Protein backbone atom coordinates (compact mmCIF):
# COMPACT_ATOMS: atom_id res chain seq x y z
CA MET A 1 0.00 0.00 0.00
CA ALA A 2 2.98 2.30 0.37
CA GLY A 3 2.92 2.99 -3.39
CA LEU A 4 -0.69 4.19 -3.47
CA GLY A 5 0.26 7.75 -2.55
CA THR A 6 2.59 7.84 -5.54
CA LEU A 7 -0.17 6.50 -7.79
CA TYR A 8 -2.53 9.25 -6.63
CA VAL A 9 0.09 11.88 -7.42
CA LYS A 10 0.74 10.42 -10.89
CA ALA A 11 -3.00 10.24 -11.52
CA ALA A 12 -3.40 13.91 -10.55
CA ILE A 13 -0.56 14.96 -12.85
CA GLY A 14 -1.97 12.90 -15.70
CA ALA A 15 -5.59 13.96 -15.20
CA VAL A 16 -5.25 16.68 -17.84
CA GLY A 17 -4.84 15.49 -21.39
CA PRO A 18 -6.20 12.85 -23.76
CA ARG A 19 -7.57 9.61 -22.34
CA GLY A 20 -9.01 6.42 -23.72
CA HIS A 21 -12.69 6.42 -24.69
CA GLU A 22 -13.45 2.82 -23.74
CA LEU A 23 -12.69 0.69 -20.74
CA PRO A 24 -9.37 -1.14 -21.09
CA ASP A 25 -9.64 -4.87 -21.60
CA THR A 26 -7.33 -5.40 -18.65
CA ALA A 27 -7.48 -7.49 -15.50
CA LEU A 28 -4.93 -7.01 -12.75
CA SER A 29 -4.13 -9.79 -10.30
CA ARG A 30 -1.93 -10.41 -7.30
CA ASP A 31 -1.26 -13.21 -4.84
CA ILE A 32 -1.60 -12.12 -1.21
CA CYS A 33 -0.93 -13.52 2.24
CA VAL A 34 -2.80 -11.60 4.94
CA ASP A 35 -0.62 -9.62 7.32
CA ARG A 36 -1.96 -10.35 10.81
CA ASP A 37 -0.80 -7.03 12.24
CA HIS A 38 -2.52 -5.14 9.43
CA LEU A 39 -5.68 -7.21 9.90
CA ALA A 40 -5.70 -6.42 13.63
CA GLU A 41 -5.23 -2.70 12.97
CA TYR A 42 -8.09 -2.73 10.43
CA ALA A 43 -10.34 -4.51 12.93
CA HIS A 44 -9.49 -1.94 15.60
CA VAL A 45 -10.14 1.06 13.32
CA CYS A 46 -13.46 -0.29 12.04
CA GLY A 47 -14.78 -1.83 15.25
CA PHE A 48 -14.50 -5.54 14.48
CA PRO A 49 -13.18 -8.04 17.02
CA VAL A 50 -9.69 -9.32 16.25
CA ALA A 51 -10.18 -12.87 14.96
CA ASP A 52 -8.73 -15.49 12.64
CA THR A 53 -11.44 -14.92 10.03
CA LEU A 54 -11.52 -11.81 7.85
CA PRO A 55 -14.26 -9.22 8.35
CA VAL A 56 -16.56 -9.23 5.33
CA THR A 57 -15.34 -5.78 4.27
CA TYR A 58 -11.61 -6.51 4.70
CA PRO A 59 -11.07 -8.10 1.24
CA HIS A 60 -12.08 -4.75 -0.28
CA VAL A 61 -8.88 -3.35 1.25
CA LEU A 62 -6.88 -6.15 -0.38
CA ALA A 63 -8.40 -5.37 -3.79
CA PHE A 64 -8.28 -1.58 -3.52
CA PRO A 65 -4.61 -1.11 -4.57
CA LEU A 66 -5.34 -2.93 -7.83
CA GLN A 67 -8.41 -0.76 -8.38
CA VAL A 68 -6.31 2.37 -8.00
CA GLU A 69 -3.58 0.99 -10.26
CA LEU A 70 -6.14 0.32 -12.99
CA MET A 71 -7.95 3.67 -12.65
CA ALA A 72 -4.68 5.65 -12.56
CA ARG A 73 -3.69 4.49 -16.05
CA ARG A 74 -3.99 6.90 -18.96
CA SER A 75 -6.00 4.25 -20.85
CA PHE A 76 -8.76 4.44 -18.22
CA PRO A 77 -11.47 6.75 -19.61
CA LEU A 78 -12.30 8.58 -16.35
CA PRO A 79 -9.60 10.52 -14.45
CA LEU A 80 -9.03 9.16 -10.95
CA PRO A 81 -9.05 12.58 -9.21
CA GLY A 82 -12.66 13.48 -8.55
CA LEU A 83 -14.11 9.97 -8.79
CA VAL A 84 -16.74 9.47 -6.08
CA HIS A 85 -17.47 6.04 -4.58
CA VAL A 86 -21.29 5.95 -4.68
CA ARG A 87 -22.18 2.28 -4.21
CA ASN A 88 -20.60 -0.99 -3.11
CA ARG A 89 -21.90 -4.54 -3.29
CA ILE A 90 -20.13 -7.42 -1.56
CA SER A 91 -20.93 -11.13 -1.86
CA ALA A 92 -19.15 -13.22 0.77
CA HIS A 93 -19.53 -16.89 -0.13
CA ARG A 94 -17.96 -18.26 3.05
CA ALA A 95 -15.72 -17.25 5.92
CA ILE A 96 -12.09 -16.63 4.91
CA ASP A 97 -9.34 -17.69 7.31
CA ALA A 98 -6.45 -15.26 7.63
CA ALA A 99 -4.01 -18.14 7.05
CA GLU A 100 -5.35 -18.94 3.56
CA PRO A 101 -3.21 -17.82 0.59
CA LEU A 102 -5.43 -15.62 -1.57
CA ALA A 103 -5.43 -14.48 -5.18
CA VAL A 104 -7.01 -11.09 -5.97
CA ARG A 105 -8.25 -10.12 -9.43
CA VAL A 106 -9.70 -6.75 -10.49
CA HIS A 107 -11.24 -5.50 -13.73
CA ALA A 108 -13.53 -2.64 -14.84
CA GLU A 109 -16.90 -2.97 -16.54
CA ARG A 110 -20.18 -1.18 -17.32
CA LEU A 111 -19.04 2.32 -18.24
CA ARG A 112 -22.39 4.08 -18.48
CA ALA A 113 -24.18 7.41 -18.39
CA HIS A 114 -25.56 8.85 -15.16
CA PRO A 115 -27.72 11.98 -14.72
CA LYS A 116 -24.73 13.67 -13.04
CA GLY A 117 -22.01 12.31 -15.33
CA ALA A 118 -20.66 8.81 -15.91
CA GLN A 119 -20.38 5.70 -13.75
CA VAL A 120 -18.12 2.66 -13.86
CA ASP A 121 -17.86 -0.55 -11.85
CA LEU A 122 -14.58 -1.91 -10.49
CA VAL A 123 -15.12 -5.62 -9.91
CA ALA A 124 -12.94 -7.70 -7.60
CA GLU A 125 -12.72 -11.44 -6.95
CA ILE A 126 -10.90 -13.17 -4.13
CA ASP A 127 -9.86 -16.75 -4.84
CA ALA A 128 -8.67 -19.35 -2.32
CA ALA A 129 -7.24 -22.60 -3.71
CA GLY A 130 -9.24 -22.24 -6.91
CA GLU A 131 -12.51 -21.32 -5.17
CA VAL A 132 -14.05 -17.85 -5.50
CA VAL A 133 -14.79 -16.98 -1.87
CA TRP A 134 -15.54 -13.25 -2.11
CA GLU A 135 -16.73 -10.81 -4.79
CA GLY A 136 -17.04 -7.05 -4.66
CA CYS A 137 -18.34 -4.38 -7.01
CA SER A 138 -17.39 -0.74 -6.36
CA THR A 139 -19.31 1.85 -8.38
CA TYR A 140 -17.63 5.20 -9.01
CA LEU A 141 -19.18 8.40 -10.37
CA ALA A 142 -17.30 10.98 -12.45
CA ARG A 143 -19.32 14.19 -12.31
CA GLY A 144 -19.65 15.97 -15.66
CA ALA A 145 -18.16 13.08 -17.67
CA THR A 146 -19.92 11.45 -20.61
CA ALA A 147 -20.55 7.78 -21.38
CA PRO A 148 -22.94 5.65 -23.44
CA GLU A 149 -26.40 4.92 -22.09
CA GLY A 150 -26.69 1.63 -20.22
CA PRO A 151 -29.31 -0.38 -18.34
CA PRO A 152 -30.58 1.25 -15.14
CA ASP A 153 -28.90 0.38 -11.87
CA PRO A 154 -30.81 -1.66 -9.28
CA ALA A 155 -32.89 0.32 -6.80
CA GLU A 156 -31.03 1.55 -3.75
CA PRO A 157 -31.58 -0.12 -0.36
CA PRO A 158 -34.69 1.25 1.36
CA GLY A 159 -33.05 2.54 4.54
CA THR A 160 -34.59 2.71 8.01
CA GLU A 161 -35.33 6.40 8.60
CA ASP A 162 -38.41 5.71 10.77
CA GLU A 163 -36.64 3.28 13.12
CA VAL A 164 -35.44 4.19 16.61
CA PRO A 165 -31.61 4.57 16.64
CA VAL A 166 -29.81 1.56 18.10
CA ALA A 167 -26.50 3.39 18.52
CA THR A 168 -25.05 6.89 18.40
CA TRP A 169 -21.50 7.36 17.16
CA ARG A 170 -19.22 10.30 17.74
CA VAL A 171 -16.97 10.15 14.68
CA ASP A 172 -13.85 12.15 15.51
CA ALA A 173 -11.68 14.26 13.22
CA GLY A 174 -8.90 11.64 12.98
CA THR A 175 -11.14 8.89 11.58
CA GLY A 176 -10.21 9.61 7.97
CA ARG A 177 -6.47 9.50 8.66
CA ARG A 178 -6.72 6.24 10.64
CA TYR A 179 -8.74 4.52 7.93
CA ALA A 180 -6.45 5.88 5.22
CA ARG A 181 -3.51 4.26 7.00
CA VAL A 182 -5.10 0.78 6.99
CA SER A 183 -6.93 1.00 3.65
CA GLY A 184 -4.39 2.83 1.50
CA ASP A 185 -7.12 5.27 0.40
CA VAL A 186 -5.16 8.49 0.84
CA ASN A 187 -7.54 10.69 -1.11
CA PRO A 188 -6.91 14.17 0.38
CA ILE A 189 -10.62 14.81 1.00
CA HIS A 190 -10.37 12.35 3.91
CA LEU A 191 -7.16 13.53 5.54
CA HIS A 192 -7.34 17.14 6.69
CA PRO A 193 -9.74 20.12 6.55
CA TRP A 194 -7.30 22.14 4.44
CA THR A 195 -6.93 19.48 1.75
CA ALA A 196 -10.67 18.76 1.81
CA LYS A 197 -11.47 22.47 1.28
CA ALA A 198 -9.39 22.38 -1.90
CA PHE A 199 -11.99 19.97 -3.27
CA GLY A 200 -15.02 21.94 -2.09
CA PHE A 201 -15.71 20.33 1.30
CA PRO A 202 -15.92 22.43 4.47
CA ARG A 203 -14.11 19.74 6.47
CA ALA A 204 -12.54 16.34 5.84
CA ILE A 205 -15.05 13.56 5.20
CA ALA A 206 -15.12 9.96 6.37
CA HIS A 207 -14.45 7.16 3.88
CA GLY A 208 -17.66 5.51 2.78
CA MET A 209 -16.12 2.08 3.29
CA TRP A 210 -15.21 2.94 6.89
CA THR A 211 -18.84 3.86 7.55
CA ALA A 212 -19.98 0.62 5.86
CA ALA A 213 -17.51 -1.50 7.82
CA HIS A 214 -18.38 0.18 11.14
CA ALA A 215 -22.10 -0.44 10.52
CA LEU A 216 -21.45 -4.10 9.69
CA ALA A 217 -19.27 -4.49 12.78
CA ALA A 218 -22.20 -3.32 14.92
CA LEU A 219 -24.17 -6.40 13.75
CA GLN A 220 -21.44 -8.97 14.48
CA GLY A 221 -22.85 -12.13 16.00
CA ARG A 222 -26.19 -11.70 14.25
CA LEU A 223 -25.06 -12.26 10.67
CA PRO A 224 -24.26 -15.47 8.76
CA GLU A 225 -20.77 -16.11 7.39
CA ALA A 226 -22.11 -16.03 3.82
CA LEU A 227 -24.03 -12.88 2.90
CA THR A 228 -24.58 -10.08 0.40
CA PHE A 229 -23.95 -6.53 1.59
CA ASP A 230 -25.39 -3.86 -0.74
CA VAL A 231 -24.48 -0.27 0.22
CA ALA A 232 -25.49 3.08 -1.27
CA PHE A 233 -23.50 6.08 -0.05
CA GLY A 234 -25.39 9.32 0.54
CA LYS A 235 -24.48 12.71 1.98
CA PRO A 236 -20.75 12.98 2.88
CA LEU A 237 -20.05 12.40 6.58
CA LEU A 238 -18.12 15.50 7.67
CA LEU A 239 -15.50 15.05 10.41
CA PRO A 240 -16.09 15.38 13.25
CA SER A 241 -19.80 14.48 13.42
CA THR A 242 -22.35 12.66 15.52
CA VAL A 243 -24.45 10.11 13.63
CA GLU A 244 -27.03 7.46 14.44
CA LEU A 245 -27.21 3.81 13.41
CA ARG A 246 -30.70 2.53 12.61
CA THR A 247 -31.50 -1.09 11.74
CA ARG A 248 -34.51 -3.21 10.89
CA ALA A 249 -34.55 -7.01 10.69
CA GLU A 250 -36.79 -8.50 7.97
CA GLY A 251 -36.67 -12.28 8.23
CA ASP A 252 -33.14 -13.29 7.22
CA ALA A 253 -32.36 -9.77 5.95
CA TRP A 254 -31.36 -6.49 7.59
CA ASN A 255 -31.92 -2.92 6.47
CA VAL A 256 -29.29 -0.52 7.82
CA GLU A 257 -28.94 3.25 7.79
CA VAL A 258 -26.30 5.63 9.14
CA ARG A 259 -27.91 9.01 9.51
CA GLY A 260 -27.00 12.54 10.59
CA ARG A 261 -29.42 15.24 11.68
CA LYS A 262 -30.63 16.06 8.18
CA ALA A 263 -29.77 13.24 5.81
CA ALA A 264 -28.56 9.66 5.43
CA HIS A 265 -24.85 9.03 4.93
CA LEU A 266 -25.38 5.34 4.10
CA LYS A 267 -28.24 2.97 3.34
CA ALA A 268 -27.56 -0.75 3.14
CA ARG A 269 -29.29 -4.09 2.88
CA ILE A 270 -27.79 -7.36 4.13
CA THR A 271 -29.28 -10.56 2.72
CA PRO A 272 -28.39 -14.25 2.44
CA PRO A 273 -26.35 -14.98 -0.69
């Protein structure tokens, strides 16, 4: 992850100028052995217990460097600076032990128009001994960009606005820096008020995947090992802030919402695979 900062800088320098018009027919892959110290730090930052099995959101961190490497290339049609992570869908097929050697593969698909610009999906697979054990799809929005029309996206999770809060979180100003350290996502909008203001935010904002992971951690012990976690990110969570977690169980499924005083920062639905 140490090289991700360099990739962000190169992507910023190369953001101006000609780019490809179609998604590159490229898949990036890497073999990985989980670092136990890194896993423990991730668990601590996000609120998971330290355990031998990976939190459902942890493989996203393993795939993220390959996502950035792919999006930072000049052949990628959307410049990396300014891309907004608007949705994430995870399918965990079984528990993953930290001792298992893993293979990570990432590719891009579904470049399509959006009312505010263009969207693209970065798809990741985690393989253990020839078995696909985890899949993730991260959707990014490039405001003002253009792309061909595509099929509509699935409806967003319904949220739980009318439910009584089950927890209140005080999210402190250092949350973005701590998650950046364990995730490699060193986008300056998350790190400091000064760098966030350069991109139009009044203060630094929390990573969407930290909010998603922290919400999932709050339901530990009540979820199966295999599940689908569909998340839509809403209003940016400014740091520091106080937010509420609201949940609703519906049979084997859960609706989840992280909400501030005026708007939802995250709506999610957790279902069996």
